[in-house]
Amino acid sequence: MTVSRPSLATALENSSLVHDQAAIDAAIARVADAVRGDYDPADIPLYITVMNGGMPFASALAMEIGQRGLDLEFDYLHATRYRGQTSGSGLAWLHRPATSMRDRRVLLADDILDEGHTMLAIKRWCEDQGARDIRIAVLALKKHDRCVEGISADYVGLEVPDAYVYGYGMDFHEQGRNLPAIYALRD
């Protein structure tokens, strides 16, 4: 049985460009500069990519950080509330990092901080694992006043409107994550 999903082509026709590739690249370079300024090269941070959406941003950011002389130890996690939908539900842990966080500096990289429910749960889990310092880097911060208390990003690449956004890691019904720009649905 094939599951029908909305067309990405139709979504693009009904969307506005929010940030192009050049703006994204410049934002990632700014975030890399800020991260590099906050970390001692002798204290290699554990760099955790939040899958799936965080992968494009985390990869590009890691390369920019490396160009600035800071090494990273890599791992990933997969926790989601959306599972291909446009609104969240309960948190599902699909993969937890295998690398010990005990007494480590942890840098979480994700595509977007929207209301923050998922990121707050991830941060609390890292604290429970004994991380001594947890920083959060996101490509996009959604502009609204609905973020849950107790969570914020330490490094933000770009702001996006309070609309359904997709591209550069963010999905439209599990499509469009590999678009080199960020779009917002007009409807």
N, C-alpha and C. Protein backbone atom coordinates (compact mmCIF):
# COMPACT_ATOMS: atom_id res chain seq x y z
N MET A 1 0.84 -1.19 0.00
CA MET A 1 0.00 0.00 0.00
C MET A 1 0.88 1.25 0.00
N THR A 2 0.67 2.14 -0.91
CA THR A 2 1.41 3.38 -1.02
C THR A 2 0.68 4.47 -0.25
N VAL A 3 1.43 5.19 0.58
CA VAL A 3 0.85 6.28 1.35
C VAL A 3 0.92 7.55 0.51
N SER A 4 -0.19 8.22 0.36
CA SER A 4 -0.23 9.47 -0.39
C SER A 4 0.23 10.60 0.52
N ARG A 5 1.06 11.48 -0.04
CA ARG A 5 1.49 12.64 0.73
C ARG A 5 1.45 13.86 -0.19
N PRO A 6 1.37 15.03 0.40
CA PRO A 6 1.32 16.24 -0.42
C PRO A 6 2.57 16.35 -1.30
N SER A 7 2.42 17.01 -2.42
CA SER A 7 3.51 17.18 -3.37
C SER A 7 4.44 18.31 -2.95
N LEU A 8 5.75 18.03 -2.97
CA LEU A 8 6.74 19.07 -2.69
C LEU A 8 6.68 20.16 -3.75
N ALA A 9 6.48 19.77 -4.99
CA ALA A 9 6.39 20.76 -6.07
C ALA A 9 5.23 21.74 -5.83
N THR A 10 4.10 21.21 -5.39
CA THR A 10 2.96 22.07 -5.08
C THR A 10 3.27 22.96 -3.89
N ALA A 11 3.93 22.41 -2.90
CA ALA A 11 4.32 23.21 -1.73
C ALA A 11 5.23 24.36 -2.15
N LEU A 12 6.21 24.08 -3.00
CA LEU A 12 7.12 25.13 -3.45
C LEU A 12 6.38 26.24 -4.20
N GLU A 13 5.36 25.87 -4.98
CA GLU A 13 4.56 26.87 -5.69
C GLU A 13 3.79 27.76 -4.74
N ASN A 14 3.49 27.23 -3.55
CA ASN A 14 2.72 27.98 -2.55
C ASN A 14 3.58 28.46 -1.39
N SER A 15 4.86 28.65 -1.65
CA SER A 15 5.80 29.05 -0.59
C SER A 15 6.58 30.29 -1.01
N SER A 16 7.14 30.93 -0.02
CA SER A 16 8.04 32.07 -0.24
C SER A 16 9.43 31.67 0.21
N LEU A 17 10.43 32.15 -0.51
CA LEU A 17 11.82 31.95 -0.12
C LEU A 17 12.08 32.81 1.12
N VAL A 18 12.60 32.19 2.17
CA VAL A 18 12.92 32.91 3.40
C VAL A 18 14.42 33.23 3.44
N HIS A 19 15.26 32.22 3.21
CA HIS A 19 16.71 32.39 3.21
C HIS A 19 17.30 31.55 2.09
N ASP A 20 18.15 32.16 1.26
CA ASP A 20 18.79 31.41 0.18
C ASP A 20 20.09 30.78 0.66
N GLN A 21 20.75 30.05 -0.23
CA GLN A 21 21.98 29.32 0.12
C GLN A 21 23.07 30.27 0.64
N ALA A 22 23.22 31.43 0.03
CA ALA A 22 24.24 32.38 0.47
C ALA A 22 24.00 32.85 1.90
N ALA A 23 22.75 33.13 2.24
CA ALA A 23 22.42 33.56 3.60
C ALA A 23 22.68 32.44 4.60
N ILE A 24 22.35 31.23 4.21
CA ILE A 24 22.58 30.08 5.08
C ILE A 24 24.08 29.86 5.30
N ASP A 25 24.85 29.92 4.23
CA ASP A 25 26.30 29.75 4.35
C ASP A 25 26.92 30.81 5.26
N ALA A 26 26.49 32.06 5.11
CA ALA A 26 27.01 33.14 5.95
C ALA A 26 26.62 32.93 7.41
N ALA A 27 25.40 32.47 7.64
CA ALA A 27 24.94 32.22 9.01
C ALA A 27 25.75 31.09 9.66
N ILE A 28 26.01 30.04 8.91
CA ILE A 28 26.79 28.92 9.44
C ILE A 28 28.20 29.38 9.78
N ALA A 29 28.79 30.22 8.95
CA ALA A 29 30.13 30.75 9.24
C ALA A 29 30.12 31.58 10.53
N ARG A 30 29.08 32.40 10.73
CA ARG A 30 28.98 33.19 11.97
C ARG A 30 28.84 32.29 13.19
N VAL A 31 28.02 31.24 13.08
CA VAL A 31 27.85 30.32 14.20
C VAL A 31 29.18 29.62 14.49
N ALA A 32 29.89 29.20 13.47
CA ALA A 32 31.19 28.53 13.66
C ALA A 32 32.17 29.45 14.39
N ASP A 33 32.20 30.72 14.03
CA ASP A 33 33.07 31.67 14.72
C ASP A 33 32.71 31.77 16.20
N ALA A 34 31.43 31.84 16.49
CA ALA A 34 30.98 31.95 17.88
C ALA A 34 31.32 30.69 18.66
N VAL A 35 31.08 29.52 18.07
CA VAL A 35 31.41 28.26 18.74
C VAL A 35 32.90 28.19 19.01
N ARG A 36 33.70 28.48 18.00
CA ARG A 36 35.16 28.40 18.16
C ARG A 36 35.63 29.31 19.29
N GLY A 37 35.01 30.47 19.44
CA GLY A 37 35.38 31.39 20.50
C GLY A 37 35.04 30.90 21.89
N ASP A 38 34.12 29.96 22.00
CA ASP A 38 33.65 29.47 23.30
C ASP A 38 34.32 28.18 23.77
N TYR A 39 35.14 27.56 22.91
CA TYR A 39 35.71 26.26 23.25
C TYR A 39 37.22 26.29 23.19
N ASP A 40 37.83 25.67 24.19
CA ASP A 40 39.28 25.48 24.23
C ASP A 40 39.61 24.26 23.38
N PRO A 41 40.51 24.39 22.41
CA PRO A 41 40.85 23.24 21.55
C PRO A 41 41.33 22.00 22.32
N ALA A 42 41.82 22.18 23.52
CA ALA A 42 42.28 21.04 24.32
C ALA A 42 41.12 20.26 24.92
N ASP A 43 39.95 20.86 24.97
CA ASP A 43 38.76 20.24 25.56
C ASP A 43 37.78 19.92 24.44
N ILE A 44 38.02 18.83 23.74
CA ILE A 44 37.25 18.48 22.54
C ILE A 44 35.78 18.22 22.92
N PRO A 45 34.86 19.02 22.37
CA PRO A 45 33.45 18.80 22.69
C PRO A 45 32.88 17.57 21.98
N LEU A 46 31.88 16.99 22.62
CA LEU A 46 31.12 15.92 22.00
C LEU A 46 30.02 16.60 21.19
N TYR A 47 30.07 16.40 19.88
CA TYR A 47 29.19 17.08 18.93
C TYR A 47 28.08 16.12 18.55
N ILE A 48 26.87 16.45 18.98
CA ILE A 48 25.72 15.57 18.78
C ILE A 48 24.78 16.18 17.73
N THR A 49 24.60 15.45 16.64
CA THR A 49 23.64 15.86 15.62
C THR A 49 22.27 15.31 15.99
N VAL A 50 21.27 16.17 15.95
CA VAL A 50 19.90 15.74 16.18
C VAL A 50 19.30 15.38 14.81
N MET A 51 19.07 14.10 14.62
CA MET A 51 18.58 13.59 13.34
C MET A 51 17.07 13.70 13.25
N ASN A 52 16.50 13.72 12.10
CA ASN A 52 17.09 13.76 10.78
C ASN A 52 17.36 15.20 10.36
N GLY A 53 16.56 16.10 10.85
CA GLY A 53 16.62 17.48 10.38
C GLY A 53 17.94 18.17 10.59
N GLY A 54 18.64 17.85 11.66
CA GLY A 54 19.88 18.54 11.96
C GLY A 54 21.06 18.16 11.09
N MET A 55 20.93 17.08 10.31
CA MET A 55 22.08 16.57 9.57
C MET A 55 22.71 17.58 8.60
N PRO A 56 21.97 18.24 7.71
CA PRO A 56 22.63 19.17 6.79
C PRO A 56 23.34 20.31 7.53
N PHE A 57 22.67 20.92 8.48
CA PHE A 57 23.27 22.01 9.26
C PHE A 57 24.47 21.53 10.06
N ALA A 58 24.31 20.41 10.77
CA ALA A 58 25.39 19.89 11.61
C ALA A 58 26.63 19.57 10.78
N SER A 59 26.43 19.01 9.61
CA SER A 59 27.57 18.66 8.75
C SER A 59 28.30 19.91 8.29
N ALA A 60 27.55 20.88 7.78
CA ALA A 60 28.18 22.12 7.31
C ALA A 60 28.85 22.87 8.47
N LEU A 61 28.20 22.91 9.61
CA LEU A 61 28.78 23.60 10.77
C LEU A 61 30.04 22.91 11.25
N ALA A 62 30.04 21.60 11.27
CA ALA A 62 31.24 20.86 11.71
C ALA A 62 32.43 21.18 10.82
N MET A 63 32.21 21.25 9.53
CA MET A 63 33.31 21.57 8.60
C MET A 63 33.82 22.98 8.83
N GLU A 64 32.92 23.93 9.06
CA GLU A 64 33.33 25.31 9.34
C GLU A 64 34.09 25.39 10.67
N ILE A 65 33.63 24.67 11.67
CA ILE A 65 34.33 24.66 12.96
C ILE A 65 35.72 24.06 12.78
N GLY A 66 35.82 22.98 12.02
CA GLY A 66 37.12 22.36 11.76
C GLY A 66 38.08 23.30 11.06
N GLN A 67 37.57 24.12 10.15
CA GLN A 67 38.43 25.10 9.46
C GLN A 67 38.95 26.15 10.43
N ARG A 68 38.32 26.28 11.57
CA ARG A 68 38.75 27.25 12.57
C ARG A 68 39.63 26.61 13.65
N GLY A 69 39.98 25.35 13.44
CA GLY A 69 40.96 24.71 14.32
C GLY A 69 40.42 24.01 15.55
N LEU A 70 39.11 23.75 15.59
CA LEU A 70 38.54 23.05 16.74
C LEU A 70 38.12 21.66 16.30
N ASP A 71 38.66 20.64 16.96
CA ASP A 71 38.28 19.27 16.67
C ASP A 71 36.99 18.94 17.42
N LEU A 72 36.25 17.99 16.90
CA LEU A 72 34.99 17.56 17.50
C LEU A 72 34.95 16.04 17.55
N GLU A 73 34.33 15.50 18.58
CA GLU A 73 34.03 14.07 18.62
C GLU A 73 32.56 13.92 18.27
N PHE A 74 32.26 13.08 17.29
CA PHE A 74 30.91 12.99 16.73
C PHE A 74 30.08 11.85 17.32
N ASP A 75 28.79 12.12 17.48
CA ASP A 75 27.78 11.11 17.73
C ASP A 75 26.47 11.72 17.28
N TYR A 76 25.39 10.99 17.43
CA TYR A 76 24.09 11.51 17.01
C TYR A 76 23.00 10.94 17.89
N LEU A 77 21.85 11.59 17.82
CA LEU A 77 20.66 11.06 18.46
C LEU A 77 19.50 11.30 17.51
N HIS A 78 18.46 10.53 17.72
CA HIS A 78 17.25 10.70 16.92
C HIS A 78 16.06 10.66 17.86
N ALA A 79 15.52 11.83 18.08
CA ALA A 79 14.31 11.97 18.91
C ALA A 79 13.37 12.85 18.12
N THR A 80 12.12 12.49 18.06
CA THR A 80 11.18 13.24 17.24
C THR A 80 9.81 13.29 17.89
N ARG A 81 9.11 14.38 17.59
CA ARG A 81 7.71 14.51 17.98
C ARG A 81 6.82 14.54 16.75
N TYR A 82 7.42 14.67 15.57
CA TYR A 82 6.63 14.92 14.36
C TYR A 82 6.37 13.68 13.51
N ARG A 83 7.35 12.84 13.32
CA ARG A 83 7.20 11.61 12.53
C ARG A 83 6.46 11.84 11.22
N GLY A 84 6.94 12.86 10.46
CA GLY A 84 6.38 13.13 9.14
C GLY A 84 5.13 13.99 9.15
N GLN A 85 4.67 14.41 10.31
CA GLN A 85 3.46 15.23 10.40
C GLN A 85 3.84 16.70 10.52
N THR A 86 2.86 17.57 10.46
CA THR A 86 3.12 19.00 10.57
C THR A 86 2.95 19.53 12.00
N SER A 87 2.49 18.68 12.91
CA SER A 87 2.39 19.08 14.31
C SER A 87 2.91 17.93 15.17
N GLY A 88 3.44 18.31 16.34
CA GLY A 88 4.09 17.33 17.19
C GLY A 88 3.15 16.58 18.11
N SER A 89 3.64 15.44 18.58
CA SER A 89 2.92 14.64 19.57
C SER A 89 3.93 14.23 20.63
N GLY A 90 3.78 13.08 21.24
CA GLY A 90 4.72 12.62 22.26
C GLY A 90 6.10 12.35 21.67
N LEU A 91 7.12 12.54 22.49
CA LEU A 91 8.50 12.34 22.05
C LEU A 91 8.82 10.85 21.89
N ALA A 92 9.41 10.53 20.74
CA ALA A 92 9.85 9.16 20.47
C ALA A 92 11.37 9.17 20.33
N TRP A 93 12.05 8.35 21.13
CA TRP A 93 13.51 8.21 21.02
C TRP A 93 13.78 7.06 20.05
N LEU A 94 14.39 7.36 18.92
CA LEU A 94 14.71 6.35 17.93
C LEU A 94 16.16 5.89 18.03
N HIS A 95 17.05 6.76 18.55
CA HIS A 95 18.45 6.39 18.79
C HIS A 95 19.04 7.36 19.81
N ARG A 96 19.75 6.80 20.77
CA ARG A 96 20.47 7.62 21.76
C ARG A 96 21.96 7.46 21.52
N PRO A 97 22.75 8.49 21.79
CA PRO A 97 24.20 8.41 21.57
C PRO A 97 24.84 7.28 22.37
N ALA A 98 25.84 6.65 21.76
CA ALA A 98 26.58 5.59 22.43
C ALA A 98 27.76 6.14 23.23
N THR A 99 28.22 7.33 22.89
CA THR A 99 29.37 7.94 23.54
C THR A 99 28.98 8.48 24.91
N SER A 100 29.80 8.20 25.90
CA SER A 100 29.53 8.70 27.25
C SER A 100 29.60 10.23 27.27
N MET A 101 28.66 10.83 27.98
CA MET A 101 28.63 12.28 28.15
C MET A 101 29.17 12.70 29.51
N ARG A 102 29.47 11.73 30.35
CA ARG A 102 29.89 12.03 31.71
C ARG A 102 31.06 13.01 31.71
N ASP A 103 30.84 14.15 32.38
CA ASP A 103 31.82 15.21 32.57
C ASP A 103 32.34 15.79 31.24
N ARG A 104 31.52 15.74 30.20
CA ARG A 104 31.91 16.25 28.87
C ARG A 104 31.18 17.55 28.57
N ARG A 105 31.80 18.33 27.71
CA ARG A 105 31.11 19.46 27.09
C ARG A 105 30.39 18.91 25.87
N VAL A 106 29.10 19.17 25.78
CA VAL A 106 28.28 18.65 24.69
C VAL A 106 27.74 19.82 23.88
N LEU A 107 27.86 19.69 22.56
CA LEU A 107 27.30 20.68 21.65
C LEU A 107 26.26 19.97 20.78
N LEU A 108 24.99 20.36 20.96
CA LEU A 108 23.88 19.79 20.19
C LEU A 108 23.65 20.65 18.96
N ALA A 109 23.49 20.01 17.79
CA ALA A 109 23.24 20.74 16.55
C ALA A 109 21.93 20.26 15.94
N ASP A 110 21.02 21.19 15.69
CA ASP A 110 19.71 20.85 15.14
C ASP A 110 19.30 21.88 14.10
N ASP A 111 18.27 21.53 13.33
CA ASP A 111 17.82 22.40 12.25
C ASP A 111 17.07 23.62 12.76
N ILE A 112 16.16 23.44 13.72
CA ILE A 112 15.30 24.55 14.13
C ILE A 112 14.93 24.43 15.61
N LEU A 113 14.80 25.57 16.24
CA LEU A 113 14.19 25.63 17.57
C LEU A 113 12.86 26.34 17.37
N ASP A 114 11.79 25.56 17.54
CA ASP A 114 10.44 26.10 17.37
C ASP A 114 9.89 26.33 18.77
N GLU A 115 9.04 25.47 19.27
CA GLU A 115 8.53 25.63 20.63
C GLU A 115 9.48 25.08 21.68
N GLY A 116 10.37 24.16 21.30
CA GLY A 116 11.42 23.69 22.19
C GLY A 116 11.13 22.43 22.98
N HIS A 117 9.98 21.80 22.79
CA HIS A 117 9.65 20.60 23.56
C HIS A 117 10.69 19.49 23.35
N THR A 118 11.02 19.22 22.11
CA THR A 118 11.99 18.15 21.80
C THR A 118 13.37 18.51 22.36
N MET A 119 13.83 19.72 22.10
CA MET A 119 15.16 20.12 22.55
C MET A 119 15.26 20.15 24.07
N LEU A 120 14.22 20.55 24.76
CA LEU A 120 14.25 20.53 26.22
C LEU A 120 14.39 19.10 26.73
N ALA A 121 13.66 18.17 26.15
CA ALA A 121 13.78 16.76 26.55
C ALA A 121 15.18 16.23 26.28
N ILE A 122 15.75 16.61 25.14
CA ILE A 122 17.11 16.18 24.80
C ILE A 122 18.12 16.77 25.78
N LYS A 123 17.99 18.04 26.07
CA LYS A 123 18.92 18.68 27.01
C LYS A 123 18.84 18.03 28.39
N ARG A 124 17.64 17.78 28.86
CA ARG A 124 17.48 17.13 30.17
C ARG A 124 18.09 15.73 30.17
N TRP A 125 17.93 15.00 29.07
CA TRP A 125 18.53 13.67 28.98
C TRP A 125 20.05 13.78 29.05
N CYS A 126 20.63 14.75 28.35
CA CYS A 126 22.09 14.95 28.41
C CYS A 126 22.55 15.29 29.82
N GLU A 127 21.78 16.11 30.52
CA GLU A 127 22.09 16.42 31.92
C GLU A 127 22.06 15.15 32.76
N ASP A 128 21.05 14.31 32.54
CA ASP A 128 20.94 13.05 33.27
C ASP A 128 22.12 12.12 32.97
N GLN A 129 22.73 12.27 31.80
CA GLN A 129 23.89 11.45 31.43
C GLN A 129 25.19 12.00 32.00
N GLY A 130 25.13 13.12 32.70
CA GLY A 130 26.30 13.67 33.37
C GLY A 130 27.09 14.68 32.58
N ALA A 131 26.55 15.22 31.50
CA ALA A 131 27.25 16.26 30.74
C ALA A 131 27.50 17.45 31.66
N ARG A 132 28.71 18.00 31.62
CA ARG A 132 29.02 19.13 32.50
C ARG A 132 28.64 20.47 31.89
N ASP A 133 28.50 20.51 30.57
CA ASP A 133 28.12 21.74 29.87
C ASP A 133 27.39 21.33 28.59
N ILE A 134 26.24 21.93 28.36
CA ILE A 134 25.46 21.61 27.17
C ILE A 134 25.15 22.91 26.46
N ARG A 135 25.57 22.99 25.22
CA ARG A 135 25.27 24.14 24.37
C ARG A 135 24.43 23.66 23.20
N ILE A 136 23.63 24.57 22.67
CA ILE A 136 22.72 24.24 21.58
C ILE A 136 22.97 25.18 20.41
N ALA A 137 23.19 24.61 19.24
CA ALA A 137 23.33 25.38 18.00
C ALA A 137 22.20 24.98 17.07
N VAL A 138 21.49 25.96 16.56
CA VAL A 138 20.41 25.70 15.60
C VAL A 138 20.60 26.59 14.37
N LEU A 139 20.24 26.04 13.23
CA LEU A 139 20.26 26.85 12.02
C LEU A 139 19.20 27.94 12.10
N ALA A 140 18.00 27.58 12.54
CA ALA A 140 16.88 28.52 12.51
C ALA A 140 16.18 28.60 13.86
N LEU A 141 15.77 29.80 14.18
CA LEU A 141 14.95 30.07 15.36
C LEU A 141 13.64 30.65 14.87
N LYS A 142 12.55 30.00 15.21
CA LYS A 142 11.23 30.49 14.78
C LYS A 142 10.81 31.65 15.68
N LYS A 143 10.38 32.75 15.06
CA LYS A 143 10.01 33.96 15.77
C LYS A 143 8.56 33.88 16.27
N HIS A 144 8.41 33.63 17.57
CA HIS A 144 7.11 33.64 18.23
C HIS A 144 7.36 33.66 19.73
N ASP A 145 6.30 33.65 20.52
CA ASP A 145 6.44 33.70 21.98
C ASP A 145 5.93 32.42 22.64
N ARG A 146 5.99 31.28 21.92
CA ARG A 146 5.46 30.02 22.46
C ARG A 146 6.55 29.04 22.92
N CYS A 147 7.79 29.47 23.00
CA CYS A 147 8.86 28.55 23.40
C CYS A 147 8.67 28.16 24.87
N VAL A 148 8.86 26.87 25.14
CA VAL A 148 8.70 26.39 26.51
C VAL A 148 9.78 26.98 27.40
N GLU A 149 9.44 27.13 28.66
CA GLU A 149 10.38 27.68 29.63
C GLU A 149 11.54 26.71 29.83
N GLY A 150 12.74 27.24 29.97
CA GLY A 150 13.90 26.42 30.28
C GLY A 150 14.73 26.00 29.08
N ILE A 151 14.40 26.50 27.88
CA ILE A 151 15.19 26.12 26.71
C ILE A 151 15.41 27.35 25.83
N SER A 152 16.63 27.45 25.34
CA SER A 152 16.98 28.48 24.35
C SER A 152 18.23 27.98 23.63
N ALA A 153 18.47 28.55 22.48
CA ALA A 153 19.67 28.18 21.72
C ALA A 153 20.81 29.12 22.09
N ASP A 154 22.00 28.56 22.23
CA ASP A 154 23.19 29.36 22.50
C ASP A 154 23.73 29.98 21.21
N TYR A 155 23.50 29.31 20.10
CA TYR A 155 23.98 29.77 18.79
C TYR A 155 22.83 29.65 17.80
N VAL A 156 22.49 30.75 17.15
CA VAL A 156 21.39 30.77 16.19
C VAL A 156 21.91 31.33 14.88
N GLY A 157 21.68 30.57 13.81
CA GLY A 157 22.10 31.04 12.50
C GLY A 157 21.18 32.09 11.93
N LEU A 158 19.89 31.79 11.86
CA LEU A 158 18.91 32.65 11.20
C LEU A 158 17.59 32.62 11.95
N GLU A 159 16.81 33.67 11.80
CA GLU A 159 15.44 33.66 12.29
C GLU A 159 14.52 33.37 11.12
N VAL A 160 13.43 32.66 11.42
CA VAL A 160 12.42 32.35 10.40
C VAL A 160 11.07 32.79 10.94
N PRO A 161 10.13 33.07 10.03
CA PRO A 161 8.81 33.52 10.49
C PRO A 161 8.03 32.41 11.17
N ASP A 162 6.99 32.82 11.86
CA ASP A 162 6.10 31.88 12.54
C ASP A 162 5.14 31.30 11.50
N ALA A 163 5.69 30.41 10.69
CA ALA A 163 4.96 29.75 9.61
C ALA A 163 5.55 28.36 9.47
N TYR A 164 4.94 27.55 8.62
CA TYR A 164 5.51 26.23 8.36
C TYR A 164 6.70 26.42 7.42
N VAL A 165 7.90 26.12 7.92
CA VAL A 165 9.13 26.30 7.14
C VAL A 165 9.75 24.95 6.83
N TYR A 166 10.45 24.89 5.70
CA TYR A 166 11.08 23.64 5.28
C TYR A 166 12.26 23.96 4.37
N GLY A 167 13.10 22.96 4.20
CA GLY A 167 14.32 23.09 3.42
C GLY A 167 15.53 23.08 4.35
N TYR A 168 16.68 22.76 3.83
CA TYR A 168 17.94 22.69 4.57
C TYR A 168 17.79 21.93 5.89
N GLY A 169 17.24 20.74 5.79
CA GLY A 169 17.07 19.86 6.95
C GLY A 169 15.64 19.76 7.43
N MET A 170 14.92 20.85 7.33
CA MET A 170 13.52 20.86 7.76
C MET A 170 12.65 20.27 6.65
N ASP A 171 11.67 19.47 7.05
CA ASP A 171 10.93 18.74 6.03
C ASP A 171 9.52 19.25 5.81
N PHE A 172 9.03 18.95 4.62
CA PHE A 172 7.63 19.10 4.29
C PHE A 172 7.13 17.69 4.05
N HIS A 173 6.49 17.09 5.04
CA HIS A 173 6.01 15.70 4.97
C HIS A 173 7.15 14.77 4.52
N GLU A 174 8.29 14.87 5.21
CA GLU A 174 9.50 14.06 4.96
C GLU A 174 10.12 14.31 3.59
N GLN A 175 9.80 15.42 2.97
CA GLN A 175 10.37 15.81 1.69
C GLN A 175 11.06 17.17 1.84
N GLY A 176 11.98 17.46 0.94
CA GLY A 176 12.57 18.79 0.88
C GLY A 176 13.69 19.06 1.85
N ARG A 177 14.10 18.08 2.64
CA ARG A 177 15.20 18.30 3.59
C ARG A 177 16.49 18.70 2.87
N ASN A 178 16.66 18.24 1.63
CA ASN A 178 17.90 18.50 0.90
C ASN A 178 17.82 19.74 0.01
N LEU A 179 16.79 20.55 0.17
CA LEU A 179 16.74 21.82 -0.55
C LEU A 179 17.82 22.74 0.01
N PRO A 180 18.53 23.48 -0.84
CA PRO A 180 19.62 24.33 -0.37
C PRO A 180 19.17 25.70 0.14
N ALA A 181 17.91 25.86 0.44
CA ALA A 181 17.36 27.12 0.92
C ALA A 181 16.22 26.79 1.89
N ILE A 182 15.71 27.83 2.55
CA ILE A 182 14.59 27.69 3.48
C ILE A 182 13.38 28.42 2.91
N TYR A 183 12.25 27.73 2.94
CA TYR A 183 10.99 28.24 2.40
C TYR A 183 9.93 28.25 3.49
N ALA A 184 8.93 29.12 3.33
CA ALA A 184 7.78 29.16 4.23
C ALA A 184 6.51 29.04 3.40
N LEU A 185 5.62 28.15 3.84
CA LEU A 185 4.31 28.03 3.19
C LEU A 185 3.54 29.33 3.37
N ARG A 186 2.90 29.77 2.32
CA ARG A 186 2.10 31.00 2.40
C ARG A 186 0.72 30.73 3.00
N ASP A 187 0.21 29.55 2.86
CA ASP A 187 -1.15 29.23 3.34
C ASP A 187 -1.08 28.53 4.67
